[in-house]
Amino acid sequence: MHLSSEWVIGGLMRLSKALGVREFVVGFLVMASAASLPNLFVGITSATRGIPELSLGDVFGNNFVAMTLAVLVAILFAPKKEIETGGKTVQTTAIFTMIAALLPIVLLFDGTLSRVDGIILLGLFVCYLYWLFVKQGLFTRVYNHENGGIPSAEKIRRSMKDILWVAGGIVILVAASVGIVLSASFFAKGLGVPLLLVGLLVTGLGNALPEIYFAIASSKKSETQLIIGNLMGAVIFPATLVLGIVALIHPISSVNFQFALSSRIFLFIAAVLFFIFTRTKKKISLGEGLVLLALYVSFVAAILF
């Protein structure tokens, strides 16, 4: 997985330079959407089998890891031991990230994520994409073309190799993640562990592995805009697009109140802290990352014990 992460990072950087795409948008749209494929796979499969609560736990667990453990990992490997979160696009996306993380929690107050709730979640996803594309002038960083203007046909042809590297790296990352998830789920179910708990602690963490590896590789290259774009996308995509699709296929009920309540409380705290840390001083420091780690450890302890 380390090698495939390097392929993805290198390919994305070269494509960004050739096509003039901002780093944040590359991290958000390309890597985050690709890394969300395992969440979508788990979601559709569980919904069609009548057990959509597995997807709920998976998304909650994935989002929690993305806003806590993955943040600290990225900070530890960053040269300055911090993640920069400046720029209007990042700051505004932080608001969307918090809303996306909290909206499923709010919609679950009645105990069910209905098809109407699914439409609401999908609506939020569409609204963010519309804002992102309309506000292209606010993207945080763009690479300058050597000759300026639209990239030439020659540059685009040279970029095809990078596209293949990116695609290959993403496929390996997703395949590795799915393999881990399927294996862990098999053994967990064999032990009689509740589906929601499997989603929270097994599939959620397993599906967050691409974000963690991507964060490490990006940090080593000091590409902090890629990191924050990927982490925010790792929350927005599953919480809105994936849960929205799953709810449309099969409404989700919180069948296990203990795990559902605990996960919602911790996810609420994580979303608020992530938002605050992103907005204050326009960077997430090592100290703030350790706070997020402590929250993750507390979450696991509360769920298991």
Protein backbone atom coordinates (compact mmCIF):
# COMPACT_ATOMS: atom_id res chain seq x y z
CA MET A 1 0.00 0.00 0.00
CA HIS A 2 2.93 2.35 0.60
CA LEU A 3 4.12 1.97 -2.99
CA SER A 4 0.63 2.53 -4.42
CA SER A 5 0.30 5.68 -2.28
CA GLU A 6 3.52 7.00 -3.80
CA TRP A 7 2.15 6.30 -7.29
CA VAL A 8 -1.01 8.23 -6.53
CA ILE A 9 0.77 11.22 -4.98
CA GLY A 10 3.34 11.53 -7.76
CA GLY A 11 0.76 11.14 -10.51
CA LEU A 12 -1.61 13.66 -8.96
CA MET A 13 1.13 16.23 -8.59
CA ARG A 14 2.20 15.93 -12.22
CA LEU A 15 -1.40 16.04 -13.42
CA SER A 16 -2.06 19.13 -11.31
CA LYS A 17 0.89 20.88 -12.90
CA ALA A 18 -0.06 19.85 -16.44
CA LEU A 19 -3.76 20.66 -16.19
CA GLY A 20 -3.64 23.61 -13.80
CA VAL A 21 -5.88 22.02 -11.17
CA ARG A 22 -5.66 23.17 -7.55
CA GLU A 23 -4.16 20.78 -5.03
CA PHE A 24 -7.11 20.91 -2.67
CA VAL A 25 -9.56 20.01 -5.41
CA VAL A 26 -7.37 17.13 -6.60
CA GLY A 27 -7.25 15.71 -3.08
CA PHE A 28 -10.97 16.19 -2.57
CA LEU A 29 -12.41 15.07 -5.89
CA VAL A 30 -9.91 12.47 -7.05
CA MET A 31 -8.49 10.72 -3.99
CA ALA A 32 -11.40 11.18 -1.59
CA SER A 33 -13.97 9.98 -4.11
CA ALA A 34 -11.83 6.96 -5.04
CA ALA A 35 -11.14 6.12 -1.39
CA SER A 36 -14.90 6.26 -0.71
CA LEU A 37 -15.53 3.39 -3.11
CA PRO A 38 -15.13 0.75 -0.36
CA ASN A 39 -17.71 2.65 1.73
CA LEU A 40 -20.05 2.63 -1.26
CA PHE A 41 -19.36 -1.07 -1.85
CA VAL A 42 -20.16 -1.96 1.77
CA GLY A 43 -23.18 0.33 1.72
CA ILE A 44 -24.85 -1.01 -1.41
CA THR A 45 -24.09 -4.63 -0.50
CA SER A 46 -25.45 -4.28 3.04
CA ALA A 47 -28.53 -2.37 1.85
CA THR A 48 -29.44 -4.93 -0.80
CA ARG A 49 -29.08 -7.66 1.82
CA GLY A 50 -31.36 -5.84 4.24
CA ILE A 51 -28.67 -4.94 6.80
CA PRO A 52 -27.99 -1.24 6.09
CA GLU A 53 -26.97 -0.64 9.71
CA LEU A 54 -23.58 -2.11 8.74
CA SER A 55 -23.14 0.80 6.32
CA LEU A 56 -24.20 3.27 9.02
CA GLY A 57 -21.52 1.97 11.36
CA ASP A 58 -19.01 1.89 8.51
CA VAL A 59 -19.59 5.55 7.60
CA PHE A 60 -19.61 6.71 11.21
CA GLY A 61 -16.40 4.79 11.90
CA ASN A 62 -14.76 6.04 8.69
CA ASN A 63 -15.66 9.66 9.42
CA PHE A 64 -14.46 9.40 12.98
CA VAL A 65 -11.09 8.01 11.90
CA ALA A 66 -10.73 10.66 9.18
CA MET A 67 -11.29 13.48 11.69
CA THR A 68 -9.11 12.07 14.48
CA LEU A 69 -6.53 9.31 13.88
CA ALA A 70 -5.79 10.20 10.24
CA VAL A 71 -5.24 13.85 11.19
CA LEU A 72 -2.63 12.98 13.82
CA VAL A 73 -0.86 10.54 11.48
CA ALA A 74 -0.59 13.24 8.82
CA ILE A 75 0.76 15.72 11.36
CA LEU A 76 3.39 13.30 12.67
CA PHE A 77 4.81 12.79 9.17
CA ALA A 78 4.60 16.45 8.13
CA PRO A 79 7.94 18.34 8.20
CA LYS A 80 6.51 21.16 10.33
CA LYS A 81 4.36 18.82 12.44
CA GLU A 82 1.21 20.67 11.44
CA ILE A 83 -1.40 20.78 8.65
CA GLU A 84 -2.11 24.11 7.02
CA THR A 85 -5.82 24.87 6.59
CA GLY A 86 -5.70 28.40 5.21
CA GLY A 87 -7.55 29.62 2.14
CA LYS A 88 -11.20 30.46 1.60
CA THR A 89 -12.04 27.16 -0.07
CA VAL A 90 -10.61 25.08 2.78
CA GLN A 91 -12.21 27.27 5.42
CA THR A 92 -15.63 27.10 3.76
CA THR A 93 -15.28 23.38 3.12
CA ALA A 94 -14.65 22.97 6.85
CA ILE A 95 -18.18 24.25 7.41
CA PHE A 96 -19.58 21.78 4.87
CA THR A 97 -17.55 19.01 6.51
CA MET A 98 -19.02 19.67 9.93
CA ILE A 99 -22.55 19.87 8.51
CA ALA A 100 -22.05 16.64 6.55
CA ALA A 101 -20.76 14.83 9.64
CA LEU A 102 -23.56 16.10 11.89
CA LEU A 103 -26.53 15.92 9.50
CA PRO A 104 -26.91 12.09 9.65
CA ILE A 105 -26.81 12.33 13.44
CA VAL A 106 -29.61 14.91 13.42
CA LEU A 107 -31.67 12.95 10.91
CA LEU A 108 -31.35 9.83 13.11
CA PHE A 109 -33.04 11.50 16.08
CA ASP A 110 -36.28 9.67 15.17
CA GLY A 111 -34.37 6.37 15.06
CA THR A 112 -34.49 5.97 11.28
CA LEU A 113 -32.62 7.31 8.27
CA SER A 114 -35.50 7.29 5.80
CA ARG A 115 -35.58 7.68 2.03
CA VAL A 116 -36.53 11.33 2.51
CA ASP A 117 -33.47 11.72 4.73
CA GLY A 118 -31.41 10.09 1.98
CA ILE A 119 -32.62 12.71 -0.50
CA ILE A 120 -31.65 15.45 1.96
CA LEU A 121 -28.13 14.01 2.30
CA LEU A 122 -27.74 13.74 -1.47
CA GLY A 123 -29.00 17.31 -1.78
CA LEU A 124 -26.24 18.53 0.53
CA PHE A 125 -23.67 16.67 -1.56
CA VAL A 126 -24.95 18.26 -4.78
CA CYS A 127 -24.99 21.71 -3.14
CA TYR A 128 -21.35 21.41 -2.12
CA LEU A 129 -20.22 20.24 -5.55
CA TYR A 130 -22.15 23.13 -7.13
CA TRP A 131 -20.45 25.60 -4.78
CA LEU A 132 -17.06 24.03 -5.40
CA PHE A 133 -17.27 24.30 -9.17
CA VAL A 134 -18.92 27.72 -9.21
CA LYS A 135 -16.28 29.12 -6.84
CA GLN A 136 -13.29 27.88 -8.84
CA GLY A 137 -11.60 31.25 -8.46
CA LEU A 138 -11.34 30.66 -4.72
CA PHE A 139 -9.31 27.43 -4.96
CA THR A 140 -6.33 27.68 -2.68
CA ARG A 141 -3.38 26.89 -4.93
CA VAL A 142 -2.77 26.31 -8.60
CA TYR A 143 0.38 25.32 -10.43
CA ASN A 144 1.50 27.71 -13.17
CA HIS A 145 1.81 26.31 -16.67
CA GLU A 146 5.20 26.71 -18.21
CA ASN A 147 3.76 28.72 -21.08
CA GLY A 148 0.55 29.83 -19.41
CA GLY A 149 -2.98 29.31 -20.67
CA ILE A 150 -4.64 26.05 -21.58
CA PRO A 151 -2.32 23.00 -21.51
CA SER A 152 -1.16 21.87 -24.94
CA ALA A 153 -2.13 18.59 -26.58
CA GLU A 154 1.44 17.37 -26.05
CA LYS A 155 1.19 18.01 -22.31
CA ILE A 156 -2.12 16.20 -22.17
CA ARG A 157 -0.65 13.21 -24.01
CA ARG A 158 2.25 13.12 -21.56
CA SER A 159 -0.28 13.20 -18.76
CA MET A 160 -1.90 9.96 -19.89
CA LYS A 161 0.93 7.99 -18.28
CA ASP A 162 0.34 9.83 -15.02
CA ILE A 163 -3.37 9.06 -15.26
CA LEU A 164 -2.53 5.37 -15.55
CA TRP A 165 -0.21 5.58 -12.52
CA VAL A 166 -2.93 7.33 -10.49
CA ALA A 167 -5.58 4.82 -11.57
CA GLY A 168 -3.32 1.87 -10.80
CA GLY A 169 -2.39 3.22 -7.38
CA ILE A 170 -6.00 3.92 -6.48
CA VAL A 171 -7.10 0.45 -7.60
CA ILE A 172 -4.46 -1.16 -5.38
CA LEU A 173 -5.40 1.04 -2.42
CA VAL A 174 -9.09 0.28 -2.78
CA ALA A 175 -8.51 -3.45 -3.37
CA ALA A 176 -6.27 -3.70 -0.32
CA SER A 177 -8.81 -1.85 1.80
CA VAL A 178 -11.70 -4.01 0.61
CA GLY A 179 -9.67 -7.16 1.30
CA ILE A 180 -8.99 -6.05 4.86
CA VAL A 181 -12.62 -5.10 5.40
CA LEU A 182 -14.01 -8.38 4.07
CA SER A 183 -11.57 -10.46 6.10
CA ALA A 184 -12.17 -8.53 9.32
CA SER A 185 -15.94 -8.60 8.83
CA PHE A 186 -15.90 -12.36 8.30
CA PHE A 187 -14.08 -13.08 11.55
CA ALA A 188 -16.06 -10.48 13.51
CA LYS A 189 -19.37 -11.93 12.39
CA GLY A 190 -18.07 -15.39 13.22
CA LEU A 191 -17.65 -14.21 16.81
CA GLY A 192 -21.21 -12.91 16.93
CA VAL A 193 -20.31 -9.22 17.11
CA PRO A 194 -23.21 -6.81 16.35
CA LEU A 195 -23.22 -5.44 12.79
CA LEU A 196 -23.18 -1.82 13.91
CA LEU A 197 -20.10 -2.48 16.05
CA VAL A 198 -18.43 -4.27 13.11
CA GLY A 199 -19.03 -1.18 11.01
CA LEU A 200 -17.76 1.21 13.67
CA LEU A 201 -14.53 -0.56 14.58
CA VAL A 202 -13.72 -2.90 11.69
CA THR A 203 -15.00 -1.72 8.32
CA GLY A 204 -14.83 1.95 9.34
CA LEU A 205 -11.13 1.71 10.19
CA GLY A 206 -10.40 -0.57 7.25
CA ASN A 207 -12.06 1.74 4.76
CA ALA A 208 -10.16 4.70 6.22
CA LEU A 209 -6.78 3.09 5.47
CA PRO A 210 -6.46 4.75 2.03
CA GLU A 211 -6.90 8.17 3.66
CA ILE A 212 -4.27 7.34 6.27
CA TYR A 213 -1.71 6.10 3.72
CA PHE A 214 -2.47 9.01 1.42
CA ALA A 215 -2.04 11.43 4.34
CA ILE A 216 1.36 9.93 5.21
CA ALA A 217 2.63 10.11 1.63
CA SER A 218 1.31 13.67 1.17
CA SER A 219 2.83 14.80 4.46
CA LYS A 220 6.26 13.53 3.48
CA LYS A 221 6.04 15.63 0.33
CA SER A 222 4.70 18.66 2.26
CA GLU A 223 1.54 18.64 0.14
CA THR A 224 -0.73 19.75 2.98
CA GLN A 225 -3.51 20.98 0.70
CA LEU A 226 -3.84 17.45 -0.68
CA ILE A 227 -4.09 16.13 2.89
CA ILE A 228 -6.85 18.44 4.06
CA GLY A 229 -8.76 18.06 0.79
CA ASN A 230 -8.62 14.28 1.08
CA LEU A 231 -9.62 14.22 4.76
CA MET A 232 -12.55 16.59 4.26
CA GLY A 233 -13.65 14.65 1.21
CA ALA A 234 -13.35 11.43 3.22
CA VAL A 235 -16.06 12.81 5.51
CA ILE A 236 -18.33 14.52 2.98
CA PHE A 237 -18.50 11.73 0.40
CA PRO A 238 -19.52 8.86 2.76
CA ALA A 239 -21.75 10.97 5.03
CA THR A 240 -23.80 12.41 2.16
CA LEU A 241 -23.40 10.44 -1.07
CA VAL A 242 -22.97 6.94 0.39
CA LEU A 243 -25.52 7.18 3.21
CA GLY A 244 -27.92 8.96 0.86
CA ILE A 245 -27.77 6.12 -1.68
CA VAL A 246 -28.00 3.45 1.04
CA ALA A 247 -31.04 5.12 2.63
CA LEU A 248 -32.76 5.27 -0.76
CA ILE A 249 -32.18 1.54 -1.27
CA HIS A 250 -33.12 0.53 2.27
CA PRO A 251 -33.99 2.89 5.19
CA ILE A 252 -31.56 2.56 8.10
CA SER A 253 -32.75 1.93 11.65
CA SER A 254 -30.57 2.28 14.75
CA VAL A 255 -31.25 -1.21 16.04
CA ASN A 256 -28.54 -1.16 18.72
CA PHE A 257 -29.21 1.90 20.84
CA GLN A 258 -26.07 1.63 22.98
CA PHE A 259 -23.60 1.62 20.12
CA ALA A 260 -25.64 4.09 18.04
CA LEU A 261 -25.84 6.61 20.89
CA SER A 262 -22.16 6.32 21.83
CA SER A 263 -20.99 6.64 18.23
CA ARG A 264 -23.20 9.68 17.62
CA ILE A 265 -21.93 11.46 20.73
CA PHE A 266 -18.27 10.87 19.87
CA LEU A 267 -18.80 11.72 16.21
CA PHE A 268 -20.49 14.97 17.22
CA ILE A 269 -17.54 15.91 19.43
CA ALA A 270 -15.04 14.95 16.70
CA ALA A 271 -16.84 17.04 14.08
CA VAL A 272 -16.95 20.11 16.33
CA LEU A 273 -13.29 19.80 17.38
CA PHE A 274 -12.15 19.20 13.79
CA PHE A 275 -14.03 22.32 12.72
CA ILE A 276 -12.60 24.43 15.54
CA PHE A 277 -9.03 23.24 15.00
CA THR A 278 -9.32 23.86 11.26
CA ARG A 279 -10.59 27.40 11.72
CA THR A 280 -8.29 28.55 14.54
CA LYS A 281 -4.90 29.86 13.39
CA LYS A 282 -5.65 28.24 9.98
CA LYS A 283 -3.67 25.13 10.86
CA ILE A 284 -4.00 21.95 12.91
CA SER A 285 -1.09 21.65 15.33
CA LEU A 286 0.49 18.59 16.92
CA GLY A 287 -1.16 19.40 20.25
CA GLU A 288 -4.57 19.52 18.59
CA GLY A 289 -3.80 16.27 16.82
CA LEU A 290 -3.03 14.62 20.15
CA VAL A 291 -6.39 15.83 21.47
CA LEU A 292 -8.07 14.15 18.49
CA LEU A 293 -6.08 10.96 19.17
CA ALA A 294 -7.23 10.98 22.79
CA LEU A 295 -10.80 11.27 21.56
CA TYR A 296 -10.30 8.29 19.25
CA VAL A 297 -8.83 6.16 22.06
CA SER A 298 -11.72 7.17 24.35
CA PHE A 299 -14.20 6.21 21.64
CA VAL A 300 -12.71 2.73 21.19
CA ALA A 301 -12.55 2.21 24.95
CA ALA A 302 -16.16 3.32 25.42
CA ILE A 303 -17.39 1.04 22.64
CA LEU A 304 -15.44 -2.04 23.81
CA PHE A 305 -15.73 -1.63 27.55
